């Protein structure tokens, strides 16, 4: 089951409070400002800074 679009509209990065978006493989939410990806496990976004994956871009 994909993430509800209404939920995506209200979610924000917990670190910078900026916008986040679903990645191409739909297994994480990305914050471009912080260069972090918050994983999605069992259709639930894990919005904890300690659980975020640092992106190298």
Protein backbone atom coordinates (compact mmCIF):
# COMPACT_ATOMS: atom_id res chain seq x y z
CA UNK A 1 0.00 0.00 0.00
CA UNK A 2 1.56 3.32 -1.03
CA UNK A 3 1.84 6.33 1.25
CA UNK A 4 -1.34 8.41 1.36
CA UNK A 5 -0.85 11.64 -0.66
CA UNK A 6 -2.65 13.63 2.04
CA UNK A 7 -0.11 12.39 4.59
CA UNK A 8 2.77 13.42 2.33
CA UNK A 9 1.36 16.96 2.19
CA UNK A 10 1.50 17.42 5.97
CA UNK A 11 4.78 15.62 6.72
CA UNK A 12 7.92 17.73 7.11
CA UNK A 13 11.54 16.97 7.85
CA UNK A 14 11.91 16.67 11.63
CA UNK A 15 15.36 18.27 11.51
CA UNK A 16 14.82 21.41 9.39
CA UNK A 17 11.00 21.41 9.10
CA UNK A 18 11.42 21.62 5.32
CA UNK A 19 9.57 19.83 2.55
CA UNK A 20 10.09 16.13 1.92
CA UNK A 21 9.13 13.94 -1.02
CA UNK A 22 8.84 10.27 -1.86
CA UNK A 23 11.89 8.78 -3.60
CA UNK A 24 11.68 6.91 -6.91
CA UNK A 25 11.63 3.44 -5.33
CA UNK A 26 8.98 4.59 -2.82
CA UNK A 27 10.92 3.19 0.14
CA UNK A 28 11.89 6.51 1.71
CA UNK A 29 11.14 10.19 2.12
CA UNK A 30 13.88 12.61 1.10
CA UNK A 31 14.80 16.02 2.49
CA UNK A 32 17.05 17.86 0.02
CA UNK A 33 17.98 20.53 2.57
CA UNK A 34 19.43 18.07 5.10
CA UNK A 35 20.49 15.42 2.55
CA UNK A 36 18.62 12.77 4.55
CA UNK A 37 16.27 9.93 3.64
CA UNK A 38 13.71 8.77 6.18
CA UNK A 39 12.96 5.09 5.51
CA UNK A 40 9.47 3.68 5.06
CA UNK A 41 9.00 0.31 6.79
CA UNK A 42 5.73 -1.64 6.53
CA UNK A 43 4.10 1.40 4.88
CA UNK A 44 4.98 3.60 7.89
CA UNK A 45 7.44 6.50 7.49
CA UNK A 46 10.10 6.41 10.20
CA UNK A 47 10.49 10.14 10.90
CA UNK A 48 13.26 9.90 13.49
CA UNK A 49 16.46 11.85 12.87
CA UNK A 50 18.53 9.01 14.37
CA UNK A 51 17.00 6.54 11.89
CA UNK A 52 17.54 8.75 8.83
CA UNK A 53 20.03 7.70 6.16
CA UNK A 54 22.55 10.30 5.03
CA UNK A 55 22.57 10.86 1.28
CA UNK A 56 25.74 11.49 -0.70
CA UNK A 57 24.77 13.76 -3.60
